[in-house]
Amino acid sequence: MDTYDANGLTLQRVRDLVWEIPREDDMNVAARVLASETLLDEISGDKTLEQLRNTATLPGIVEPAICMPDGHQGYGFPVGGVAAIDAENGCISPGGVGFDINCGVRMMTTNLTYDDVRGHEEELVNALFEGVPCGLGGGGVVETDVETVNQILDRGVEWALAEGYAVPADLDHCEDEGRRHDADPSAVPQKAKDRGKNQVGSLGSGNHFLEVQRVTDVVREDVAEEFGLAEDQIVVLIHCGSRGLGHQVCQDYVREIEKAHSGFVGGLPDRELAAAPAGSQLADEYYGAMCAAINFAWVNRQLVMHRVREVFEDVFDRKWESMEMHLLYDVAHNIAKKEAHPVDTAGDVPRLDPDGDERDLYVHRKGATRAFPAGRSELPPAFADVGQPVIIPGSMGAGSYVLRGGDRSLETSFGSTAHGAGRLMSRTQAKQEFWGGDVRDDLRERQKIYVRADSGATIAEEAPGVYKDVDEVIRVSDTLGIGDTVARTFPVCNVKG
């Protein structure tokens, strides 16, 4: 099949697993979907393709606008979207980052095996549920004041290290070493700070979770060894973001941008794409506030990990150091960062080109994960020669994956890959299709997966049937060379917000 028709759009097959919406009408660049036909059938079931096309109309965008194989409908931008926009002549869009700024994942390795945990699953999931704050509203590992929030916004995980919630190696294994130096706490609205002061170290709600997993498969043994992964090993995966603070930052700046740049926003096909022109006061202020919220999210996950270490100490009556509970990596998947990428500007459309000149771009990754290969300067020393770890969670009834940045990611996707399995149905539909108690009981009886959640509705919203096939998402990533499969994991215990 050389073309694919959906929702009034015709996609052309560029090569295996790559589909293009050609540039037309108000589009500034062509848009591409990285997916198999099976996944494309699912992606075309909502407004994802329309939103991807709209994204391609943003001023200053570099070709192509991209949708990852886990893509689905979002706010303005599709979730799974990557848009690289000129940092001098383009714009920056809060909708291209999302409301949960620096929603991301971190994985912690241990020297425990599945046999060490077997028989302790119920005790462990209950202890984690009681020990790690989750659900809507306030409550965190640390409940503090606005002055401390300002320090967190400025210093990121360096603050956690100074306060005894981290060790130096935690910073060495975090994207940007856990601190965005472009952060501007003064640009963060006061209401956001007030919301954040009681949420430092908490999962939140929705699709956020804390999951104890076992490594079931090692695919690339040499890379797995570098990452500290081995079959039958117990690892811990944490998925959460910037809580109410990040949501408030996004909400307030969308409103301000709509008012201050009404003509600019009015020229876009969807007001949810609301963007501030590069170099404008609001663009600079949003970028500083977003970077500060990124720091907050890294501290949030760091404190959750700190509490997890304490819970494991209580359950297994050993120090976390003796269990070698070390951070493998922490990576964001809702973010816009200034990055240098080669761009060919000779034609009428600026496009990603390995032979082009380096340009500073706002790389918006909304529901997409940075996946840099070995040699990229931003990588920490531990991964400079092997490539960046990429952590892609599946549903609580399916496997998750650890990848490493693929050799073709920079030339294909601005150094990006997928961020998860991707939703198949809305939360409303999920609650109509599934009953939380039945899902929980079925997972325990059939798959020996122990689940605790703040409510049965949350379990229903996150039922395994709600998500795409994560194995197929990973296959596409691996085949395209944007993210190489290293290992697969499977749930043991899961705590939902």
Protein backbone atom coordinates (compact mmCIF):
# COMPACT_ATOMS: atom_id res chain seq x y z
CA MET A 1 0.00 0.00 0.00
CA ASP A 2 1.53 3.32 -1.12
CA THR A 3 -1.15 5.67 0.22
CA TYR A 4 -3.39 5.74 3.28
CA ASP A 5 -6.63 7.74 3.44
CA ALA A 6 -8.08 8.83 6.76
CA ASN A 7 -10.21 11.75 7.95
CA GLY A 8 -9.93 13.63 4.69
CA LEU A 9 -6.15 13.31 4.55
CA THR A 10 -4.04 11.20 2.20
CA LEU A 11 -0.74 9.97 3.58
CA GLN A 12 1.97 8.83 1.21
CA ARG A 13 4.28 5.95 2.05
CA VAL A 14 7.85 7.32 2.05
CA ARG A 15 9.46 4.05 3.05
CA ASP A 16 8.66 1.16 5.35
CA LEU A 17 7.02 2.48 8.54
CA VAL A 18 7.20 6.14 7.42
CA TRP A 19 4.06 7.93 6.16
CA GLU A 20 3.90 11.55 5.02
CA ILE A 21 1.19 14.19 4.88
CA PRO A 22 2.50 16.32 1.98
CA ARG A 23 2.82 20.05 2.44
CA GLU A 24 -0.26 21.85 1.17
CA ASP A 25 -2.35 24.98 1.74
CA ASP A 26 -1.35 26.60 5.05
CA MET A 27 1.18 23.93 6.03
CA ASN A 28 4.72 25.30 6.31
CA VAL A 29 6.28 21.82 6.17
CA ALA A 30 5.31 18.23 5.48
CA ALA A 31 4.35 15.99 8.41
CA ARG A 32 5.33 12.39 9.02
CA VAL A 33 3.88 9.49 10.99
CA LEU A 34 6.27 6.76 12.10
CA ALA A 35 4.04 3.70 12.35
CA SER A 36 3.09 0.31 11.02
CA GLU A 37 -0.23 -0.02 9.18
CA THR A 38 -1.72 -1.61 12.30
CA LEU A 39 -0.73 1.34 14.47
CA LEU A 40 -1.77 3.80 11.76
CA ASP A 41 -5.25 2.30 11.81
CA GLU A 42 -5.40 3.09 15.54
CA ILE A 43 -3.79 6.53 15.24
CA SER A 44 -6.35 7.55 12.62
CA GLY A 45 -9.24 6.74 14.96
CA ASP A 46 -9.26 10.21 16.56
CA LYS A 47 -7.99 13.70 15.68
CA THR A 48 -4.29 12.82 15.85
CA LEU A 49 -3.62 13.25 12.12
CA GLU A 50 -5.57 16.52 11.98
CA GLN A 51 -3.59 17.83 14.95
CA LEU A 52 -0.33 16.75 13.34
CA ARG A 53 -1.27 18.58 10.16
CA ASN A 54 -2.13 21.69 12.19
CA THR A 55 1.23 21.51 13.96
CA ALA A 56 2.92 21.75 10.55
CA THR A 57 1.45 25.27 10.12
CA LEU A 58 3.44 26.78 13.00
CA PRO A 59 5.79 29.59 11.95
CA GLY A 60 9.45 28.61 11.92
CA ILE A 61 8.85 24.87 12.08
CA VAL A 62 11.55 22.69 10.51
CA GLU A 63 10.48 19.78 8.32
CA PRO A 64 9.15 17.35 9.23
CA ALA A 65 6.54 17.61 11.95
CA ILE A 66 6.44 14.11 13.41
CA CYS A 67 4.03 11.74 15.12
CA MET A 68 5.51 8.78 16.97
CA PRO A 69 4.06 5.24 16.75
CA ASP A 70 2.25 5.68 20.08
CA GLY A 71 0.50 8.87 18.94
CA HIS A 72 -3.01 9.85 19.96
CA GLN A 73 -5.16 12.96 20.25
CA GLY A 74 -3.98 15.65 22.66
CA TYR A 75 -4.40 19.35 23.39
CA GLY A 76 -3.60 21.18 20.15
CA PHE A 77 -0.57 19.01 19.44
CA PRO A 78 -0.97 15.26 19.23
CA VAL A 79 0.48 13.23 22.09
CA GLY A 80 3.49 11.58 20.51
CA GLY A 81 4.25 14.76 18.59
CA VAL A 82 7.69 16.21 17.85
CA ALA A 83 8.00 19.72 16.43
CA ALA A 84 11.38 21.43 16.04
CA ILE A 85 10.93 25.19 15.64
CA ASP A 86 13.56 27.83 14.94
CA ALA A 87 14.52 29.49 18.23
CA GLU A 88 15.18 32.85 16.55
CA ASN A 89 12.55 33.14 13.82
CA GLY A 90 9.90 30.70 15.02
CA CYS A 91 7.84 30.34 18.17
CA ILE A 92 7.35 28.28 21.30
CA SER A 93 4.02 26.66 22.18
CA PRO A 94 2.86 25.59 25.66
CA GLY A 95 0.47 23.17 23.96
CA GLY A 96 3.48 21.52 22.33
CA VAL A 97 4.81 20.72 25.80
CA GLY A 98 1.56 19.88 27.54
CA PHE A 99 0.02 20.75 30.88
CA ASP A 100 2.13 18.25 32.82
CA ILE A 101 5.51 19.85 32.14
CA ASN A 102 8.31 17.28 32.37
CA CYS A 103 6.03 14.37 32.85
CA GLY A 104 8.65 11.66 32.60
CA VAL A 105 9.98 8.38 33.86
CA ARG A 106 12.90 7.15 35.91
CA MET A 107 14.07 3.60 36.46
CA MET A 108 15.93 2.36 39.50
CA THR A 109 17.88 -0.90 39.39
CA THR A 110 18.44 -3.28 42.33
CA ASN A 111 20.41 -6.45 43.07
CA LEU A 112 17.17 -8.22 44.06
CA THR A 113 15.77 -11.03 41.94
CA TYR A 114 12.16 -12.01 41.40
CA ASP A 115 12.57 -14.84 43.93
CA ASP A 116 13.56 -12.26 46.57
CA VAL A 117 10.27 -10.43 46.06
CA ARG A 118 7.99 -13.43 45.52
CA GLY A 119 5.77 -13.86 48.55
CA HIS A 120 6.23 -10.21 49.55
CA GLU A 121 4.16 -8.71 46.72
CA GLU A 122 1.09 -7.80 48.76
CA GLU A 123 3.13 -6.43 51.66
CA LEU A 124 5.27 -4.44 49.24
CA VAL A 125 2.44 -2.92 47.18
CA ASN A 126 0.57 -1.94 50.36
CA ALA A 127 3.68 -0.36 51.87
CA LEU A 128 4.40 1.58 48.69
CA PHE A 129 0.79 2.74 48.48
CA GLU A 130 0.90 3.95 52.07
CA GLY A 131 4.37 5.46 51.77
CA VAL A 132 4.16 7.35 48.48
CA PRO A 133 1.51 10.10 48.30
CA CYS A 134 -0.78 9.74 45.29
CA GLY A 135 -4.12 10.86 43.93
CA LEU A 136 -5.62 14.30 43.34
CA GLY A 137 -4.86 17.30 45.53
CA GLY A 138 -2.11 17.96 48.03
CA GLY A 139 0.23 15.78 50.01
CA GLY A 140 3.85 14.99 49.30
CA VAL A 141 6.94 13.41 50.78
CA VAL A 142 7.84 16.99 51.70
CA GLU A 143 5.26 19.69 52.39
CA THR A 144 7.09 22.97 52.37
CA ASP A 145 6.77 26.71 51.71
CA VAL A 146 7.04 28.98 48.69
CA GLU A 147 10.61 30.00 49.54
CA THR A 148 11.69 26.36 49.33
CA VAL A 149 9.70 25.89 46.14
CA ASN A 150 11.69 28.75 44.63
CA GLN A 151 14.91 26.94 45.50
CA ILE A 152 13.60 23.74 43.91
CA LEU A 153 12.55 25.64 40.79
CA ASP A 154 16.02 27.14 40.52
CA ARG A 155 18.33 24.30 41.55
CA GLY A 156 16.44 21.13 40.67
CA VAL A 157 17.94 17.92 42.02
CA GLU A 158 20.91 19.86 43.41
CA TRP A 159 18.45 21.04 46.06
CA ALA A 160 17.49 17.43 46.84
CA LEU A 161 21.16 16.50 47.17
CA ALA A 162 21.81 19.36 49.61
CA GLU A 163 18.78 18.36 51.69
CA GLY A 164 19.75 14.67 51.92
CA TYR A 165 17.14 13.29 49.48
CA ALA A 166 19.70 12.31 46.82
CA VAL A 167 23.24 11.04 46.38
CA PRO A 168 25.69 12.43 43.77
CA ALA A 169 25.19 9.43 41.46
CA ASP A 170 21.50 10.31 41.16
CA LEU A 171 22.43 13.58 39.45
CA ASP A 172 24.90 11.80 37.16
CA HIS A 173 22.09 9.56 35.86
CA CYS A 174 19.44 12.21 35.21
CA GLU A 175 18.77 14.13 32.02
CA ASP A 176 20.59 17.48 32.27
CA GLU A 177 21.94 16.21 35.62
CA GLY A 178 18.58 17.18 37.09
CA ARG A 179 18.89 20.93 36.56
CA ARG A 180 17.85 23.27 33.77
CA HIS A 181 20.05 26.34 34.15
CA ASP A 182 17.67 28.40 32.00
CA ALA A 183 15.07 28.18 34.77
CA ASP A 184 13.55 31.46 35.92
CA PRO A 185 11.56 30.98 39.15
CA SER A 186 10.36 34.60 38.98
CA ALA A 187 8.48 33.72 35.77
CA VAL A 188 6.47 31.00 37.55
CA PRO A 189 3.04 32.33 38.61
CA GLN A 190 2.44 32.65 42.34
CA LYS A 191 -0.62 30.40 42.13
CA ALA A 192 1.56 27.67 40.63
CA LYS A 193 4.04 27.93 43.49
CA ASP A 194 1.20 27.78 46.01
CA ARG A 195 -0.07 24.58 44.38
CA GLY A 196 3.40 23.05 44.30
CA LYS A 197 4.43 23.61 47.90
CA ASN A 198 2.30 20.71 49.18
CA GLN A 199 2.98 18.29 46.32
CA VAL A 200 6.76 17.75 46.34
CA GLY A 201 7.23 14.00 46.15
CA SER A 202 3.87 12.69 44.93
CA LEU A 203 2.55 10.63 42.03
CA GLY A 204 -0.62 12.56 41.30
CA SER A 205 -3.42 10.84 39.40
CA GLY A 206 -4.37 9.64 35.93
CA ASN A 207 -1.78 7.53 34.16
CA HIS A 208 0.96 8.21 36.71
CA PHE A 209 2.26 5.20 38.57
CA LEU A 210 4.95 3.50 40.58
CA GLU A 211 5.72 -0.02 39.42
CA VAL A 212 8.00 -2.78 40.71
CA GLN A 213 9.06 -4.86 37.71
CA ARG A 214 11.22 -7.84 36.83
CA VAL A 215 13.48 -7.98 33.81
CA THR A 216 12.15 -10.78 31.61
CA ASP A 217 14.24 -10.41 28.46
CA VAL A 218 17.63 -8.97 27.58
CA VAL A 219 17.98 -8.22 23.87
CA ARG A 220 21.31 -6.40 23.63
CA GLU A 221 23.50 -7.98 26.31
CA ASP A 222 26.45 -5.59 25.95
CA VAL A 223 24.24 -2.51 26.35
CA ALA A 224 22.24 -4.11 29.17
CA GLU A 225 25.47 -4.77 31.04
CA GLU A 226 26.43 -1.10 30.67
CA PHE A 227 22.99 -0.14 32.00
CA GLY A 228 23.24 -2.59 34.92
CA LEU A 229 20.38 -4.80 33.73
CA ALA A 230 20.13 -8.60 33.82
CA GLU A 231 17.35 -11.17 33.44
CA ASP A 232 15.18 -11.83 36.51
CA GLN A 233 16.38 -8.62 38.16
CA ILE A 234 13.95 -6.40 40.08
CA VAL A 235 13.72 -2.78 38.93
CA VAL A 236 11.42 0.10 39.90
CA LEU A 237 9.77 2.45 37.43
CA ILE A 238 8.39 5.86 38.46
CA HIS A 239 6.13 7.88 36.15
CA CYS A 240 4.96 11.35 37.20
CA GLY A 241 5.54 15.03 36.47
CA SER A 242 5.25 18.56 37.80
CA ARG A 243 1.82 18.13 39.39
CA GLY A 244 -0.40 21.20 39.86
CA LEU A 245 2.53 23.56 39.53
CA GLY A 246 3.25 22.59 35.93
CA HIS A 247 -0.44 22.56 35.04
CA GLN A 248 -0.85 26.10 36.37
CA VAL A 249 2.22 27.33 34.46
CA CYS A 250 0.81 25.98 31.19
CA GLN A 251 -2.71 27.26 31.85
CA ASP A 252 -1.62 30.79 32.76
CA TYR A 253 0.78 31.18 29.84
CA VAL A 254 -1.73 29.88 27.30
CA ARG A 255 -4.14 32.59 28.47
CA GLU A 256 -1.48 35.31 28.44
CA ILE A 257 -0.26 34.32 24.98
CA GLU A 258 -3.81 34.29 23.60
CA LYS A 259 -4.32 37.86 24.87
CA ALA A 260 -0.92 39.37 24.06
CA HIS A 261 -0.50 37.69 20.66
CA SER A 262 -4.11 37.41 19.54
CA GLY A 263 -3.28 38.17 15.92
CA PHE A 264 -0.53 35.56 15.84
CA VAL A 265 -2.71 32.93 17.54
CA GLY A 266 -5.73 33.84 15.42
CA GLY A 267 -3.80 32.94 12.31
CA LEU A 268 -3.35 29.36 13.47
CA PRO A 269 -5.87 26.62 12.54
CA ASP A 270 -6.44 25.72 16.21
CA ARG A 271 -6.26 28.13 19.16
CA GLU A 272 -4.95 25.26 21.29
CA LEU A 273 -1.69 25.63 19.35
CA ALA A 274 -1.30 29.05 21.02
CA ALA A 275 2.33 30.06 20.61
CA ALA A 276 4.49 33.06 21.45
CA PRO A 277 6.82 34.40 18.75
CA ALA A 278 10.48 33.64 19.43
CA GLY A 279 12.22 36.61 21.03
CA SER A 280 9.03 38.04 22.48
CA GLN A 281 8.80 38.74 26.19
CA LEU A 282 6.20 36.00 26.71
CA ALA A 283 8.27 33.45 24.79
CA ASP A 284 11.27 34.14 27.02
CA GLU A 285 9.17 34.17 30.19
CA TYR A 286 7.39 30.92 29.31
CA TYR A 287 10.68 29.22 28.50
CA GLY A 288 12.12 30.27 31.86
CA ALA A 289 8.98 29.17 33.72
CA MET A 290 8.85 25.87 31.82
CA CYS A 291 12.50 25.13 32.66
CA ALA A 292 11.76 25.88 36.32
CA ALA A 293 8.79 23.48 36.23
CA ILE A 294 11.11 20.90 34.66
CA ASN A 295 13.37 21.24 37.71
CA PHE A 296 10.36 20.83 39.99
CA ALA A 297 9.33 17.61 38.25
CA TRP A 298 12.83 16.14 38.56
CA VAL A 299 12.80 16.86 42.29
CA ASN A 300 9.32 15.37 42.51
CA ARG A 301 10.49 12.07 41.04
CA GLN A 302 13.67 12.19 43.12
CA LEU A 303 11.68 12.41 46.35
CA VAL A 304 9.37 9.61 45.26
CA MET A 305 12.47 7.50 44.64
CA HIS A 306 13.85 8.48 48.05
CA ARG A 307 10.64 7.24 49.67
CA VAL A 308 10.73 4.02 47.63
CA ARG A 309 14.22 3.33 48.96
CA GLU A 310 12.90 3.78 52.51
CA VAL A 311 9.95 1.44 51.88
CA PHE A 312 12.21 -1.28 50.48
CA GLU A 313 14.42 -0.94 53.56
CA ASP A 314 11.39 -1.53 55.80
CA VAL A 315 9.98 -4.44 53.82
CA PHE A 316 13.25 -6.29 53.25
CA ASP A 317 15.03 -5.18 56.44
CA ARG A 318 18.14 -4.09 54.57
CA LYS A 319 19.73 -0.76 53.71
CA TRP A 320 18.95 0.49 50.24
CA GLU A 321 22.66 0.69 49.52
CA SER A 322 23.04 -3.05 50.21
CA MET A 323 20.20 -3.68 47.75
CA GLU A 324 22.07 -1.48 45.24
CA MET A 325 19.01 0.65 44.54
CA HIS A 326 20.66 2.93 42.01
CA LEU A 327 19.12 5.28 39.47
CA LEU A 328 19.55 4.00 35.91
CA TYR A 329 18.19 7.12 34.24
CA ASP A 330 15.49 9.79 34.39
CA VAL A 331 14.16 11.18 31.12
CA ALA A 332 11.40 13.68 30.31
CA HIS A 333 8.71 13.19 27.71
CA ASN A 334 6.77 16.50 27.94
CA ILE A 335 9.31 19.20 27.24
CA ALA A 336 10.62 21.85 24.83
CA LYS A 337 14.36 22.42 24.87
CA LYS A 338 16.77 24.50 22.87
CA GLU A 339 18.92 22.02 20.96
CA ALA A 340 21.25 22.37 18.00
CA HIS A 341 20.32 20.30 14.94
CA PRO A 342 21.52 20.44 11.31
CA VAL A 343 19.05 22.27 9.06
CA ASP A 344 19.09 22.80 5.30
CA THR A 345 17.79 26.32 4.68
CA ALA A 346 18.68 26.53 0.98
CA GLY A 347 15.20 25.66 -0.29
CA ASP A 348 11.78 27.15 0.37
CA VAL A 349 11.29 24.85 3.37
CA PRO A 350 13.82 24.46 6.20
CA ARG A 351 14.36 20.76 6.72
CA LEU A 352 16.32 18.41 8.92
CA ASP A 353 19.45 17.45 6.99
CA PRO A 354 22.64 15.79 8.35
CA ASP A 355 24.65 18.02 5.99
CA GLY A 356 22.90 21.24 6.97
CA ASP A 357 24.09 24.04 9.21
CA GLU A 358 23.55 23.77 12.96
CA ARG A 359 20.56 25.82 14.14
CA ASP A 360 19.17 26.35 17.63
CA LEU A 361 15.67 24.90 17.70
CA TYR A 362 12.93 24.67 20.29
CA VAL A 363 12.42 20.90 20.09
CA HIS A 364 8.91 20.26 21.40
CA ARG A 365 8.50 16.67 22.56
CA LYS A 366 4.96 16.08 23.77
CA GLY A 367 4.56 12.46 24.71
CA ALA A 368 7.89 11.74 23.01
CA THR A 369 11.25 10.83 24.53
CA ARG A 370 14.67 12.19 23.73
CA ALA A 371 16.74 9.32 22.31
CA PHE A 372 20.27 10.55 21.62
CA PRO A 373 22.85 8.07 20.31
CA ALA A 374 26.38 7.75 21.64
CA GLY A 375 28.58 10.77 21.10
CA ARG A 376 25.98 13.50 21.60
CA SER A 377 27.46 16.16 23.91
CA GLU A 378 24.39 16.38 26.15
CA LEU A 379 24.79 12.81 27.38
CA PRO A 380 26.25 12.25 30.86
CA PRO A 381 29.69 10.58 30.96
CA ALA A 382 28.18 7.24 32.03
CA PHE A 383 26.37 6.95 28.68
CA ALA A 384 28.59 8.96 26.34
CA ASP A 385 29.93 5.84 24.61
CA VAL A 386 26.86 3.59 24.74
CA GLY A 387 23.96 5.96 24.08
CA GLN A 388 21.17 7.42 26.16
CA PRO A 389 18.85 5.09 28.07
CA VAL A 390 15.25 5.43 26.91
CA ILE A 391 12.49 4.14 29.18
CA ILE A 392 9.12 3.32 27.58
CA PRO A 393 6.37 2.04 29.88
CA GLY A 394 3.55 -0.18 28.68
CA SER A 395 0.25 -0.75 30.47
CA MET A 396 0.10 -2.33 33.92
CA GLY A 397 -0.73 -5.65 32.29
CA ALA A 398 1.98 -5.62 29.64
CA GLY A 399 5.73 -5.24 29.44
CA SER A 400 7.73 -2.05 29.56
CA TYR A 401 10.99 -1.50 27.72
CA VAL A 402 14.43 -0.04 28.12
CA LEU A 403 15.95 1.19 24.86
CA ARG A 404 19.00 3.22 23.97
CA GLY A 405 19.13 6.13 21.57
CA GLY A 406 19.34 4.78 18.03
CA ASP A 407 21.98 5.70 15.46
CA ARG A 408 19.31 7.04 13.08
CA SER A 409 17.33 9.07 15.61
CA LEU A 410 19.05 12.38 14.90
CA GLU A 411 18.51 12.18 11.13
CA THR A 412 14.99 10.77 11.40
CA SER A 413 13.26 12.36 14.37
CA PHE A 414 15.42 15.12 15.88
CA GLY A 415 16.77 12.51 18.30
CA SER A 416 13.37 11.29 19.53
CA THR A 417 11.30 8.16 19.92
CA ALA A 418 8.01 7.08 21.54
CA HIS A 419 7.13 7.54 25.21
CA GLY A 420 4.73 4.68 25.93
CA ALA A 421 2.08 2.43 24.48
CA GLY A 422 -0.31 5.25 23.64
CA ARG A 423 -4.01 5.32 24.48
CA LEU A 424 -6.63 3.56 22.38
CA MET A 425 -9.68 4.95 24.17
CA SER A 426 -10.61 7.96 26.30
CA ARG A 427 -10.91 7.78 30.06
CA THR A 428 -14.67 8.16 29.79
CA GLN A 429 -14.92 5.24 27.39
CA ALA A 430 -12.56 3.17 29.54
CA LYS A 431 -14.82 3.55 32.57
CA GLN A 432 -17.75 2.41 30.46
CA GLU A 433 -15.86 -0.63 29.18
CA PHE A 434 -14.09 -1.77 32.37
CA TRP A 435 -14.80 -2.16 36.08
CA GLY A 436 -11.82 -1.34 38.27
CA GLY A 437 -12.30 -4.17 40.74
CA ASP A 438 -12.55 -6.74 37.96
CA VAL A 439 -9.40 -5.43 36.30
CA ARG A 440 -7.49 -5.56 39.60
CA ASP A 441 -8.64 -9.07 40.42
CA ASP A 442 -7.95 -10.36 36.91
CA LEU A 443 -4.40 -8.98 36.94
CA ARG A 444 -3.72 -10.67 40.27
CA GLU A 445 -5.28 -14.02 39.45
CA ARG A 446 -4.08 -14.42 35.87
CA GLN A 447 -0.74 -12.59 35.84
CA LYS A 448 0.32 -12.36 39.51
CA ILE A 449 0.36 -8.53 39.27
CA TYR A 450 -0.63 -6.75 42.48
CA VAL A 451 -2.32 -3.36 42.00
CA ARG A 452 -3.29 -0.64 44.49
CA ALA A 453 -4.93 2.62 43.44
CA ASP A 454 -6.62 5.64 44.93
CA SER A 455 -9.92 4.53 43.33
CA GLY A 456 -11.45 1.79 41.23
CA ALA A 457 -12.16 4.36 38.53
CA THR A 458 -8.43 4.99 38.14
CA ILE A 459 -7.82 1.27 37.57
CA ALA A 460 -10.60 1.17 34.96
CA GLU A 461 -9.15 4.22 33.17
CA GLU A 462 -5.76 2.51 33.03
CA ALA A 463 -6.89 -1.03 32.18
CA PRO A 464 -4.52 -2.90 29.84
CA GLY A 465 -7.16 -2.87 27.08
CA VAL A 466 -7.08 0.93 27.02
CA TYR A 467 -3.62 0.98 25.41
CA LYS A 468 -2.00 0.13 22.10
CA ASP A 469 0.31 -2.85 21.74
CA VAL A 470 3.58 -1.62 23.25
CA ASP A 471 5.47 -4.49 21.58
CA GLU A 472 4.46 -3.11 18.17
CA VAL A 473 5.44 0.44 19.18
CA ILE A 474 8.89 -0.82 20.19
CA ARG A 475 9.24 -2.86 17.00
CA VAL A 476 8.69 0.27 14.90
CA SER A 477 11.19 2.25 16.96
CA ASP A 478 13.82 -0.47 16.71
CA THR A 479 13.30 -1.10 13.00
CA LEU A 480 13.62 2.60 12.18
CA GLY A 481 16.79 2.85 14.25
CA ILE A 482 15.50 5.67 16.47
CA GLY A 483 15.51 3.57 19.65
CA ASP A 484 17.30 0.22 20.02
CA THR A 485 15.67 -2.40 22.23
CA VAL A 486 17.85 -3.32 25.21
CA ALA A 487 15.56 -5.12 27.66
CA ARG A 488 11.95 -5.90 28.46
CA THR A 489 10.35 -5.80 31.91
CA PHE A 490 7.06 -7.06 33.34
CA PRO A 491 4.99 -5.75 36.29
CA VAL A 492 5.11 -7.28 39.77
CA CYS A 493 3.41 -4.54 41.81
CA ASN A 494 1.73 -1.37 40.61
CA VAL A 495 0.60 1.74 42.52
CA LYS A 496 -1.73 4.10 40.64
CA GLY A 497 -2.59 7.66 41.58
